[in-house]
N, C-alpha and C. Protein backbone atom coordinates (compact mmCIF):
# COMPACT_ATOMS: atom_id res chain seq x y z
N MET A 1 17.46 32.07 -16.32
CA MET A 1 17.90 30.86 -16.99
C MET A 1 17.55 30.94 -18.46
N TYR A 2 18.40 30.33 -19.29
CA TYR A 2 18.25 30.29 -20.76
C TYR A 2 16.93 29.63 -21.14
N LYS A 3 16.28 30.20 -22.14
CA LYS A 3 15.06 29.68 -22.70
C LYS A 3 15.23 29.59 -24.24
N SER A 4 15.04 28.46 -24.78
CA SER A 4 15.30 28.18 -26.20
C SER A 4 14.11 28.82 -26.90
N PHE A 5 14.31 29.08 -28.26
CA PHE A 5 13.32 29.60 -29.12
C PHE A 5 12.06 28.70 -29.10
N THR A 6 12.29 27.37 -29.15
CA THR A 6 11.20 26.42 -29.23
C THR A 6 10.42 26.54 -27.92
N TYR A 7 11.05 26.58 -26.77
CA TYR A 7 10.33 26.70 -25.52
C TYR A 7 9.48 27.99 -25.46
N LYS A 8 10.06 29.06 -25.89
CA LYS A 8 9.36 30.32 -25.97
C LYS A 8 8.09 30.29 -26.86
N LEU A 9 8.27 29.66 -28.03
CA LEU A 9 7.17 29.49 -28.95
C LEU A 9 6.08 28.63 -28.36
N ILE A 10 6.42 27.49 -27.75
CA ILE A 10 5.42 26.64 -27.16
C ILE A 10 4.61 27.31 -26.13
N THR A 11 5.32 28.07 -25.25
CA THR A 11 4.59 28.79 -24.16
C THR A 11 3.84 29.92 -24.72
N LYS A 12 4.20 30.59 -25.73
CA LYS A 12 3.54 31.65 -26.39
C LYS A 12 2.20 31.16 -26.92
N LEU A 13 2.23 29.90 -27.43
CA LEU A 13 0.99 29.27 -28.01
C LEU A 13 0.02 28.82 -26.87
N GLY A 14 0.41 29.07 -25.64
CA GLY A 14 -0.40 28.77 -24.46
C GLY A 14 -0.30 27.40 -23.90
N MET A 15 0.69 26.68 -24.36
CA MET A 15 0.93 25.33 -23.79
C MET A 15 1.79 25.44 -22.59
N ASN A 16 1.37 24.71 -21.51
CA ASN A 16 2.05 24.82 -20.22
C ASN A 16 2.95 23.62 -20.12
N ILE A 17 4.28 23.89 -20.30
CA ILE A 17 5.27 22.76 -20.12
C ILE A 17 6.28 23.22 -19.01
N SER A 18 6.90 22.23 -18.47
CA SER A 18 7.81 22.42 -17.38
C SER A 18 9.09 23.16 -17.77
N HIS A 19 9.30 24.27 -17.17
CA HIS A 19 10.47 25.11 -17.45
C HIS A 19 11.76 24.37 -17.14
N ASP A 20 11.75 23.72 -15.97
CA ASP A 20 13.02 23.00 -15.51
C ASP A 20 13.30 21.87 -16.50
N GLU A 21 12.37 21.23 -17.10
CA GLU A 21 12.61 20.08 -17.92
C GLU A 21 12.78 20.47 -19.43
N TYR A 22 12.11 21.53 -19.93
CA TYR A 22 12.16 21.82 -21.33
C TYR A 22 12.72 23.16 -21.73
N HIS A 23 13.30 23.93 -20.86
CA HIS A 23 13.82 25.30 -21.10
C HIS A 23 14.74 25.37 -22.33
N ASP A 24 15.47 24.27 -22.55
CA ASP A 24 16.48 24.28 -23.67
C ASP A 24 16.14 23.34 -24.71
N ILE A 25 14.81 22.96 -24.89
CA ILE A 25 14.41 21.91 -25.91
C ILE A 25 14.55 22.53 -27.35
N SER A 26 15.06 21.61 -28.22
CA SER A 26 15.11 22.03 -29.61
C SER A 26 13.85 21.67 -30.38
N PHE A 27 13.68 22.28 -31.54
CA PHE A 27 12.53 21.94 -32.35
C PHE A 27 12.38 20.49 -32.70
N PHE A 28 13.49 19.87 -33.07
CA PHE A 28 13.48 18.50 -33.40
C PHE A 28 13.11 17.60 -32.23
N ARG A 29 13.69 17.98 -31.06
CA ARG A 29 13.32 17.09 -29.85
C ARG A 29 11.84 17.33 -29.51
N ALA A 30 11.30 18.51 -29.62
CA ALA A 30 9.90 18.73 -29.38
C ALA A 30 9.04 17.96 -30.33
N MET A 31 9.41 17.93 -31.63
CA MET A 31 8.73 17.14 -32.62
C MET A 31 8.78 15.64 -32.31
N SER A 32 9.92 15.15 -31.91
CA SER A 32 10.08 13.78 -31.59
C SER A 32 9.23 13.35 -30.37
N ILE A 33 9.20 14.16 -29.33
CA ILE A 33 8.38 13.94 -28.14
C ILE A 33 6.91 13.91 -28.61
N GLY A 34 6.47 14.80 -29.45
CA GLY A 34 5.06 14.92 -29.92
C GLY A 34 4.71 13.67 -30.74
N LEU A 35 5.61 13.24 -31.58
CA LEU A 35 5.27 12.07 -32.43
C LEU A 35 5.23 10.81 -31.60
N ILE A 36 6.18 10.63 -30.75
CA ILE A 36 6.21 9.44 -29.85
C ILE A 36 4.95 9.40 -28.94
N GLY A 37 4.53 10.61 -28.47
CA GLY A 37 3.39 10.72 -27.66
C GLY A 37 2.17 10.38 -28.45
N LEU A 38 2.08 10.80 -29.75
CA LEU A 38 0.88 10.50 -30.57
C LEU A 38 0.82 8.98 -30.84
N ARG A 39 1.96 8.43 -31.15
CA ARG A 39 1.99 6.88 -31.35
C ARG A 39 1.51 6.16 -30.10
N ASN A 40 2.04 6.59 -28.91
CA ASN A 40 1.68 5.89 -27.69
C ASN A 40 0.23 6.19 -27.34
N ALA A 41 -0.30 7.34 -27.65
CA ALA A 41 -1.72 7.63 -27.36
C ALA A 41 -2.56 6.65 -28.19
N LEU A 42 -2.27 6.44 -29.47
CA LEU A 42 -3.01 5.56 -30.31
C LEU A 42 -2.96 4.15 -29.84
N LEU A 43 -1.77 3.73 -29.41
CA LEU A 43 -1.54 2.33 -28.92
C LEU A 43 -2.41 2.20 -27.66
N LEU A 44 -2.34 3.20 -26.78
CA LEU A 44 -3.09 3.16 -25.49
C LEU A 44 -4.60 3.15 -25.78
N LYS A 45 -4.99 3.84 -26.71
CA LYS A 45 -6.44 3.86 -27.11
C LYS A 45 -6.88 2.43 -27.52
N TYR A 46 -6.02 1.76 -28.30
CA TYR A 46 -6.38 0.39 -28.70
C TYR A 46 -6.43 -0.55 -27.41
N CYS A 47 -5.41 -0.38 -26.59
CA CYS A 47 -5.32 -1.16 -25.39
C CYS A 47 -6.56 -0.99 -24.50
N MET A 48 -7.10 0.23 -24.40
CA MET A 48 -8.15 0.52 -23.52
C MET A 48 -9.55 0.03 -24.04
N TYR A 49 -9.78 0.28 -25.34
CA TYR A 49 -11.13 0.06 -25.85
C TYR A 49 -11.37 -1.04 -26.82
N SER A 50 -10.34 -1.79 -27.30
CA SER A 50 -10.42 -2.68 -28.33
C SER A 50 -11.19 -3.96 -27.76
N VAL A 51 -12.19 -4.40 -28.59
CA VAL A 51 -12.86 -5.69 -28.34
C VAL A 51 -12.41 -6.69 -29.41
N LEU A 52 -11.63 -6.23 -30.41
CA LEU A 52 -11.10 -7.19 -31.36
C LEU A 52 -10.12 -8.06 -30.68
N LEU A 53 -10.22 -9.37 -31.02
CA LEU A 53 -9.29 -10.31 -30.43
C LEU A 53 -9.30 -10.32 -28.93
N SER A 54 -10.53 -10.05 -28.30
CA SER A 54 -10.53 -9.83 -26.86
C SER A 54 -9.97 -10.92 -26.02
N VAL A 55 -10.02 -12.18 -26.48
CA VAL A 55 -9.49 -13.22 -25.72
C VAL A 55 -8.05 -13.12 -25.50
N PHE A 56 -7.34 -12.47 -26.53
CA PHE A 56 -5.87 -12.28 -26.45
C PHE A 56 -5.41 -10.91 -25.83
N ASN A 57 -6.41 -9.98 -25.77
CA ASN A 57 -6.08 -8.65 -25.23
C ASN A 57 -5.42 -8.59 -23.85
N TYR A 58 -6.14 -9.31 -22.95
CA TYR A 58 -5.78 -9.26 -21.51
C TYR A 58 -4.27 -9.69 -21.21
N ARG A 59 -3.99 -10.84 -21.82
CA ARG A 59 -2.68 -11.50 -21.43
C ARG A 59 -1.57 -11.42 -22.54
N VAL A 60 -1.96 -11.00 -23.74
CA VAL A 60 -0.92 -11.01 -24.80
C VAL A 60 -0.76 -9.58 -25.42
N ILE A 61 -1.82 -9.13 -25.98
CA ILE A 61 -1.73 -7.93 -26.75
C ILE A 61 -1.45 -6.70 -25.93
N ARG A 62 -2.15 -6.48 -24.88
CA ARG A 62 -1.89 -5.30 -24.04
C ARG A 62 -0.58 -5.31 -23.40
N PRO A 63 -0.10 -6.37 -22.72
CA PRO A 63 1.26 -6.40 -22.22
C PRO A 63 2.35 -6.16 -23.28
N TYR A 64 2.08 -6.69 -24.46
CA TYR A 64 3.05 -6.48 -25.54
C TYR A 64 3.15 -5.01 -25.94
N LEU A 65 1.95 -4.38 -26.12
CA LEU A 65 1.92 -3.01 -26.54
C LEU A 65 2.49 -2.04 -25.43
N TRP A 66 2.23 -2.42 -24.13
CA TRP A 66 2.77 -1.67 -23.03
C TRP A 66 4.31 -1.67 -23.13
N LYS A 67 4.89 -2.88 -23.43
CA LYS A 67 6.32 -2.98 -23.55
C LYS A 67 6.83 -2.09 -24.69
N LYS A 68 6.08 -2.09 -25.87
CA LYS A 68 6.43 -1.26 -27.02
C LYS A 68 6.35 0.20 -26.61
N MET A 69 5.61 0.60 -25.71
CA MET A 69 5.51 1.97 -25.32
C MET A 69 6.58 2.37 -24.23
N GLY A 70 7.31 1.42 -23.71
CA GLY A 70 8.39 1.67 -22.81
C GLY A 70 8.28 1.07 -21.44
N CYS A 71 7.20 0.44 -21.11
CA CYS A 71 7.07 -0.19 -19.75
C CYS A 71 7.95 -1.43 -19.71
N THR A 72 8.36 -1.82 -18.48
CA THR A 72 9.00 -3.08 -18.25
C THR A 72 7.92 -4.07 -17.80
N ILE A 73 7.69 -5.15 -18.48
CA ILE A 73 6.59 -6.07 -18.15
C ILE A 73 7.10 -7.48 -17.97
N GLY A 74 6.71 -8.17 -16.92
CA GLY A 74 7.17 -9.52 -16.73
C GLY A 74 6.30 -10.49 -17.50
N LYS A 75 6.42 -11.75 -17.07
CA LYS A 75 5.61 -12.85 -17.72
C LYS A 75 4.23 -13.00 -17.12
N ASN A 76 3.28 -13.46 -18.00
CA ASN A 76 1.95 -13.78 -17.39
C ASN A 76 1.25 -12.56 -16.79
N VAL A 77 1.38 -11.38 -17.34
CA VAL A 77 0.69 -10.29 -16.82
C VAL A 77 -0.73 -10.09 -17.48
N PHE A 78 -1.68 -9.76 -16.63
CA PHE A 78 -3.02 -9.57 -17.13
C PHE A 78 -3.31 -8.05 -16.93
N ILE A 79 -3.77 -7.44 -18.08
CA ILE A 79 -4.10 -5.99 -18.08
C ILE A 79 -5.51 -5.90 -18.50
N GLY A 80 -6.37 -5.38 -17.66
CA GLY A 80 -7.80 -5.32 -17.93
C GLY A 80 -8.27 -4.22 -18.89
N TYR A 81 -9.53 -4.16 -19.13
CA TYR A 81 -10.12 -3.16 -19.97
C TYR A 81 -10.07 -1.73 -19.40
N SER A 82 -9.83 -0.77 -20.22
CA SER A 82 -9.84 0.64 -19.79
C SER A 82 -8.81 0.95 -18.71
N VAL A 83 -7.65 0.42 -18.75
CA VAL A 83 -6.54 0.73 -17.83
C VAL A 83 -5.69 1.80 -18.47
N TRP A 84 -5.62 2.92 -17.77
CA TRP A 84 -4.80 4.02 -18.30
C TRP A 84 -3.42 4.03 -17.56
N PHE A 85 -2.45 4.38 -18.23
CA PHE A 85 -1.13 4.64 -17.56
C PHE A 85 -0.47 5.80 -18.22
N ASP A 86 0.48 6.34 -17.55
CA ASP A 86 1.19 7.57 -17.95
C ASP A 86 2.11 7.29 -19.11
N TYR A 87 1.55 7.20 -20.32
CA TYR A 87 2.38 6.74 -21.50
C TYR A 87 3.52 7.68 -21.88
N ASN A 88 3.49 8.86 -21.46
CA ASN A 88 4.64 9.73 -21.73
C ASN A 88 5.78 9.48 -20.78
N ASN A 89 5.54 8.73 -19.78
CA ASN A 89 6.53 8.33 -18.75
C ASN A 89 6.54 6.82 -18.59
N ALA A 90 6.25 6.06 -19.63
CA ALA A 90 6.09 4.63 -19.57
C ALA A 90 7.41 3.90 -19.07
N ASN A 91 8.55 4.55 -19.28
CA ASN A 91 9.78 3.95 -18.84
C ASN A 91 9.91 3.93 -17.33
N LEU A 92 9.00 4.63 -16.63
CA LEU A 92 9.00 4.62 -15.14
C LEU A 92 8.10 3.58 -14.63
N ILE A 93 7.54 2.67 -15.37
CA ILE A 93 6.70 1.61 -14.94
C ILE A 93 7.36 0.27 -15.00
N GLU A 94 7.48 -0.44 -13.92
CA GLU A 94 8.01 -1.78 -13.92
C GLU A 94 6.99 -2.71 -13.31
N ILE A 95 6.71 -3.78 -14.02
CA ILE A 95 5.67 -4.72 -13.63
C ILE A 95 6.27 -6.15 -13.65
N GLY A 96 6.21 -6.88 -12.52
CA GLY A 96 6.82 -8.17 -12.41
C GLY A 96 5.91 -9.25 -13.01
N ASP A 97 6.26 -10.50 -12.78
CA ASP A 97 5.56 -11.74 -13.31
C ASP A 97 4.22 -11.85 -12.54
N ASN A 98 3.26 -12.45 -13.17
CA ASN A 98 2.01 -12.87 -12.64
C ASN A 98 1.24 -11.72 -11.96
N VAL A 99 1.26 -10.53 -12.50
CA VAL A 99 0.57 -9.40 -12.01
C VAL A 99 -0.78 -9.34 -12.69
N HIS A 100 -1.77 -8.93 -11.96
CA HIS A 100 -3.19 -8.84 -12.44
C HIS A 100 -3.66 -7.40 -12.21
N ILE A 101 -3.75 -6.58 -13.26
CA ILE A 101 -4.36 -5.23 -13.13
C ILE A 101 -5.74 -5.26 -13.73
N THR A 102 -6.73 -5.13 -12.86
CA THR A 102 -8.11 -5.23 -13.35
C THR A 102 -8.61 -3.92 -14.06
N ASN A 103 -9.78 -3.99 -14.46
CA ASN A 103 -10.43 -2.92 -15.32
C ASN A 103 -10.43 -1.53 -14.64
N MET A 104 -10.25 -0.52 -15.43
CA MET A 104 -10.34 0.86 -15.04
C MET A 104 -9.39 1.43 -14.02
N CYS A 105 -8.18 0.86 -14.03
CA CYS A 105 -7.15 1.33 -13.07
C CYS A 105 -6.31 2.46 -13.75
N LEU A 106 -5.60 3.20 -12.94
CA LEU A 106 -4.78 4.30 -13.40
C LEU A 106 -3.41 4.13 -12.77
N LEU A 107 -2.30 4.16 -13.52
CA LEU A 107 -1.00 4.24 -13.04
C LEU A 107 -0.33 5.57 -13.49
N LEU A 108 -0.11 6.42 -12.50
CA LEU A 108 0.27 7.73 -12.77
C LEU A 108 1.68 7.97 -12.29
N CYS A 109 2.61 8.39 -13.17
CA CYS A 109 4.05 8.54 -12.83
C CYS A 109 4.43 10.02 -12.61
N HIS A 110 3.51 10.94 -12.78
CA HIS A 110 3.84 12.37 -12.50
C HIS A 110 2.74 13.01 -11.83
N GLN A 111 3.05 14.06 -11.09
CA GLN A 111 2.11 14.96 -10.35
C GLN A 111 2.67 16.28 -10.19
N ARG A 112 1.81 17.26 -9.97
CA ARG A 112 2.34 18.57 -9.66
C ARG A 112 3.14 18.55 -8.31
N ASP A 113 4.20 19.27 -8.22
CA ASP A 113 4.96 19.41 -7.03
C ASP A 113 4.52 20.58 -6.28
N ILE A 114 3.64 20.33 -5.26
CA ILE A 114 3.01 21.37 -4.36
C ILE A 114 3.80 21.67 -3.21
N ASP A 115 5.05 21.23 -3.07
CA ASP A 115 5.85 21.48 -1.86
C ASP A 115 6.05 22.96 -1.65
N ASN A 116 6.19 23.71 -2.69
CA ASN A 116 6.50 25.13 -2.59
C ASN A 116 5.25 26.03 -3.01
N TYR A 117 4.08 25.48 -3.04
CA TYR A 117 2.94 26.19 -3.48
C TYR A 117 2.43 27.16 -2.43
N LEU A 118 2.32 28.40 -2.81
CA LEU A 118 1.99 29.46 -1.89
C LEU A 118 0.83 30.27 -2.45
N ILE A 119 0.16 31.04 -1.64
CA ILE A 119 -0.91 31.88 -2.01
C ILE A 119 -0.34 32.94 -3.05
N GLY A 120 -1.05 33.07 -4.14
CA GLY A 120 -0.69 33.95 -5.19
C GLY A 120 0.06 33.32 -6.36
N ILE A 121 0.44 32.03 -6.10
CA ILE A 121 1.13 31.27 -7.25
C ILE A 121 0.13 30.61 -8.14
N ASN A 122 0.23 30.64 -9.38
CA ASN A 122 -0.63 29.97 -10.31
C ASN A 122 -0.36 28.52 -10.26
N SER A 123 -1.27 27.71 -9.81
CA SER A 123 -1.05 26.30 -9.60
C SER A 123 -0.70 25.54 -10.88
N THR A 124 -1.22 26.07 -12.08
CA THR A 124 -0.92 25.45 -13.36
C THR A 124 0.54 25.62 -13.77
N LYS A 125 1.27 26.49 -13.14
CA LYS A 125 2.67 26.74 -13.42
C LYS A 125 3.59 25.96 -12.58
N LEU A 126 3.07 25.24 -11.56
CA LEU A 126 3.91 24.44 -10.69
C LEU A 126 4.56 23.33 -11.54
N PRO A 127 5.89 23.03 -11.19
CA PRO A 127 6.60 21.99 -11.95
C PRO A 127 6.09 20.64 -11.53
N TYR A 128 6.38 19.67 -12.43
CA TYR A 128 5.93 18.31 -12.18
C TYR A 128 7.08 17.50 -11.38
N LYS A 129 6.73 16.59 -10.55
CA LYS A 129 7.64 15.65 -10.03
C LYS A 129 7.27 14.27 -10.54
N LYS A 130 8.31 13.41 -10.84
CA LYS A 130 8.01 12.13 -11.42
C LYS A 130 8.53 11.13 -10.47
N GLY A 131 7.97 9.90 -10.50
CA GLY A 131 8.45 8.82 -9.74
C GLY A 131 8.11 7.48 -10.37
N LYS A 132 8.98 6.47 -10.16
CA LYS A 132 8.67 5.16 -10.71
C LYS A 132 7.57 4.54 -9.97
N ILE A 133 6.92 3.66 -10.66
CA ILE A 133 5.92 2.73 -10.21
C ILE A 133 6.44 1.35 -10.36
N ILE A 134 6.62 0.60 -9.27
CA ILE A 134 7.21 -0.69 -9.27
C ILE A 134 6.10 -1.61 -8.75
N ILE A 135 5.65 -2.57 -9.56
CA ILE A 135 4.64 -3.51 -9.08
C ILE A 135 5.31 -4.87 -9.14
N GLN A 136 5.61 -5.38 -7.98
CA GLN A 136 6.37 -6.68 -7.94
C GLN A 136 5.48 -7.88 -8.24
N SER A 137 6.13 -9.02 -8.45
CA SER A 137 5.47 -10.21 -8.81
C SER A 137 4.23 -10.68 -7.91
N GLY A 138 3.24 -11.16 -8.58
CA GLY A 138 2.10 -11.79 -7.93
C GLY A 138 1.07 -10.79 -7.34
N VAL A 139 1.17 -9.50 -7.76
CA VAL A 139 0.28 -8.46 -7.23
C VAL A 139 -1.01 -8.44 -7.92
N MET A 140 -2.12 -8.23 -7.26
CA MET A 140 -3.47 -8.07 -7.87
C MET A 140 -3.92 -6.69 -7.49
N ILE A 141 -4.34 -5.90 -8.49
CA ILE A 141 -4.82 -4.51 -8.37
C ILE A 141 -6.36 -4.51 -8.64
N GLY A 142 -7.16 -4.17 -7.65
CA GLY A 142 -8.59 -4.18 -7.82
C GLY A 142 -9.11 -3.09 -8.74
N MET A 143 -10.28 -3.23 -9.22
CA MET A 143 -10.91 -2.30 -10.19
C MET A 143 -10.90 -0.87 -9.77
N ASN A 144 -10.66 0.00 -10.69
CA ASN A 144 -10.79 1.44 -10.52
C ASN A 144 -9.85 1.98 -9.36
N SER A 145 -8.69 1.37 -9.27
CA SER A 145 -7.70 1.80 -8.32
C SER A 145 -6.73 2.79 -9.03
N THR A 146 -6.12 3.64 -8.17
CA THR A 146 -5.13 4.62 -8.70
C THR A 146 -3.78 4.37 -8.00
N ILE A 147 -2.69 4.23 -8.74
CA ILE A 147 -1.34 4.14 -8.18
C ILE A 147 -0.60 5.37 -8.49
N MET A 148 -0.11 6.10 -7.50
CA MET A 148 0.49 7.40 -7.65
C MET A 148 2.05 7.17 -7.88
N PRO A 149 2.73 8.30 -8.31
CA PRO A 149 4.16 8.25 -8.60
C PRO A 149 4.97 7.77 -7.39
N GLY A 150 6.08 7.05 -7.66
CA GLY A 150 7.00 6.69 -6.57
C GLY A 150 6.53 5.54 -5.71
N VAL A 151 5.49 4.89 -6.08
CA VAL A 151 5.00 3.77 -5.23
C VAL A 151 5.58 2.41 -5.72
N THR A 152 5.97 1.68 -4.71
CA THR A 152 6.36 0.22 -4.88
C THR A 152 5.31 -0.66 -4.21
N ILE A 153 4.75 -1.57 -4.95
CA ILE A 153 3.77 -2.50 -4.46
C ILE A 153 4.48 -3.83 -4.25
N GLY A 154 4.62 -4.31 -3.02
CA GLY A 154 5.34 -5.45 -2.61
C GLY A 154 4.75 -6.78 -3.25
N GLU A 155 5.62 -7.71 -3.30
CA GLU A 155 5.21 -9.06 -3.93
C GLU A 155 4.03 -9.63 -3.19
N GLY A 156 3.09 -10.15 -4.05
CA GLY A 156 1.96 -10.96 -3.49
C GLY A 156 0.89 -10.03 -2.90
N SER A 157 0.96 -8.78 -2.90
CA SER A 157 -0.05 -7.94 -2.31
C SER A 157 -1.28 -7.78 -3.16
N ILE A 158 -2.34 -7.45 -2.46
CA ILE A 158 -3.64 -7.22 -3.13
C ILE A 158 -4.13 -5.78 -2.81
N ILE A 159 -4.42 -5.07 -3.89
CA ILE A 159 -4.98 -3.72 -3.74
C ILE A 159 -6.61 -3.77 -3.93
N GLY A 160 -7.31 -3.41 -2.91
CA GLY A 160 -8.76 -3.47 -2.87
C GLY A 160 -9.24 -2.42 -4.02
N ALA A 161 -10.45 -2.75 -4.51
CA ALA A 161 -11.09 -1.94 -5.54
C ALA A 161 -11.31 -0.48 -5.00
N LYS A 162 -11.14 0.44 -5.95
CA LYS A 162 -11.28 1.90 -5.75
C LYS A 162 -10.30 2.46 -4.70
N SER A 163 -9.18 1.88 -4.63
CA SER A 163 -8.16 2.37 -3.69
C SER A 163 -7.27 3.41 -4.32
N LEU A 164 -6.77 4.39 -3.51
CA LEU A 164 -5.77 5.34 -3.93
C LEU A 164 -4.50 5.02 -3.21
N VAL A 165 -3.51 4.57 -3.94
CA VAL A 165 -2.22 4.10 -3.31
C VAL A 165 -1.24 5.26 -3.44
N LEU A 166 -0.95 5.84 -2.29
CA LEU A 166 0.00 6.94 -2.20
C LEU A 166 1.34 6.57 -1.70
N ASP A 167 1.44 5.40 -0.97
CA ASP A 167 2.66 5.05 -0.29
C ASP A 167 2.96 3.57 -0.62
N ASP A 168 4.22 3.18 -0.42
CA ASP A 168 4.61 1.82 -0.72
C ASP A 168 3.74 0.79 0.08
N VAL A 169 3.55 -0.31 -0.59
CA VAL A 169 2.74 -1.41 0.00
C VAL A 169 3.71 -2.53 0.40
N PRO A 170 3.64 -3.00 1.65
CA PRO A 170 4.52 -4.02 2.10
C PRO A 170 4.17 -5.32 1.35
N PRO A 171 5.16 -6.23 1.13
CA PRO A 171 4.78 -7.55 0.51
C PRO A 171 3.78 -8.33 1.32
N TRP A 172 2.97 -9.12 0.62
CA TRP A 172 1.99 -10.04 1.21
C TRP A 172 1.04 -9.36 2.22
N THR A 173 0.47 -8.23 1.78
CA THR A 173 -0.53 -7.53 2.54
C THR A 173 -1.72 -7.21 1.56
N ILE A 174 -2.88 -6.97 2.20
CA ILE A 174 -4.02 -6.43 1.55
C ILE A 174 -4.25 -5.06 1.99
N VAL A 175 -4.34 -4.06 1.00
CA VAL A 175 -4.57 -2.67 1.31
C VAL A 175 -5.89 -2.22 0.56
N ALA A 176 -6.56 -1.28 1.21
CA ALA A 176 -7.79 -0.73 0.63
C ALA A 176 -8.03 0.62 1.18
N GLY A 177 -8.80 1.43 0.42
CA GLY A 177 -9.28 2.70 0.90
C GLY A 177 -8.67 3.89 0.07
N ASN A 178 -9.11 5.02 0.50
CA ASN A 178 -8.62 6.32 -0.08
C ASN A 178 -8.26 7.31 1.12
N PRO A 179 -7.01 7.35 1.44
CA PRO A 179 -5.83 6.59 0.88
C PRO A 179 -5.84 5.21 1.30
N ALA A 180 -5.12 4.35 0.57
CA ALA A 180 -5.06 2.92 0.85
C ALA A 180 -4.22 2.68 2.20
N LYS A 181 -4.73 1.82 3.04
CA LYS A 181 -4.11 1.42 4.32
C LYS A 181 -4.11 -0.10 4.41
N VAL A 182 -3.15 -0.64 5.12
CA VAL A 182 -3.04 -2.07 5.30
C VAL A 182 -4.26 -2.49 6.11
N ILE A 183 -4.99 -3.46 5.55
CA ILE A 183 -6.17 -4.02 6.37
C ILE A 183 -5.96 -5.48 6.70
N LYS A 184 -4.98 -6.05 6.15
CA LYS A 184 -4.66 -7.46 6.46
C LYS A 184 -3.25 -7.93 6.00
N LYS A 185 -2.60 -8.70 6.89
CA LYS A 185 -1.36 -9.28 6.47
C LYS A 185 -1.68 -10.73 6.03
N ILE A 186 -1.09 -11.09 4.88
CA ILE A 186 -1.39 -12.45 4.39
C ILE A 186 -0.52 -13.45 5.12
N LYS A 187 -1.13 -14.59 5.56
CA LYS A 187 -0.40 -15.53 6.34
C LYS A 187 0.35 -16.54 5.44
N ASN A 188 1.35 -17.07 5.94
CA ASN A 188 2.18 -18.11 5.17
C ASN A 188 1.37 -19.40 5.04
N LYS A 189 1.37 -19.92 3.86
CA LYS A 189 0.58 -21.17 3.63
C LYS A 189 1.16 -22.31 4.43
N ASP A 190 2.37 -22.33 4.83
CA ASP A 190 2.99 -23.42 5.59
C ASP A 190 2.34 -23.45 7.01
N GLU A 191 1.71 -22.38 7.46
CA GLU A 191 1.06 -22.39 8.74
C GLU A 191 -0.26 -23.13 8.79
N TYR A 192 -0.76 -23.48 7.62
CA TYR A 192 -2.03 -24.21 7.45
C TYR A 192 -1.83 -25.50 6.80
N THR A 193 -2.21 -26.59 7.39
CA THR A 193 -2.04 -27.97 6.84
C THR A 193 -3.13 -28.34 5.89
N ASN A 194 -4.36 -27.59 6.01
CA ASN A 194 -5.38 -27.90 5.19
C ASN A 194 -5.48 -27.12 3.85
N ILE A 195 -4.40 -26.38 3.51
CA ILE A 195 -4.37 -25.67 2.22
C ILE A 195 -3.50 -26.41 1.25
């Protein structure tokens, strides 16, 4: 397969990039990706650690900056302190209205594709596979949870603290654990007259 001069140069410098995705990359495209990545890294750094204007960070500044980096963000979204997301793949993150992402969570849109990993293959040379993360309206994600690529979290669901979410989460359920499993289905409020 064809390899551009820029791809050859980048790999010669010891940087490991996906052959399938970047084999024909131009110098200007590589520079553009690098500069956008740098901008997004600086914005994410602010989002994660800033205590300036802290009263506005959770519901105004962080959601606004995530939108600027490429995420789709609904209304009234809360993003806690030290939340990491895959800023180079921000366009793969969709967050609905009234979502609450608590402190120290990770939203990851890419991972190594280990489907064809065999003895003798250098694992650092494996290609990446990417997947959208869709967090539907009314979801609450507990502290220190990780959401993996390709996951849809259904409306009204709650993710327990320190959960690793590998698979889709049905609407109106509570999941927890590593890997996360359904531990409770949320009942309809119409079933209770005292609520």
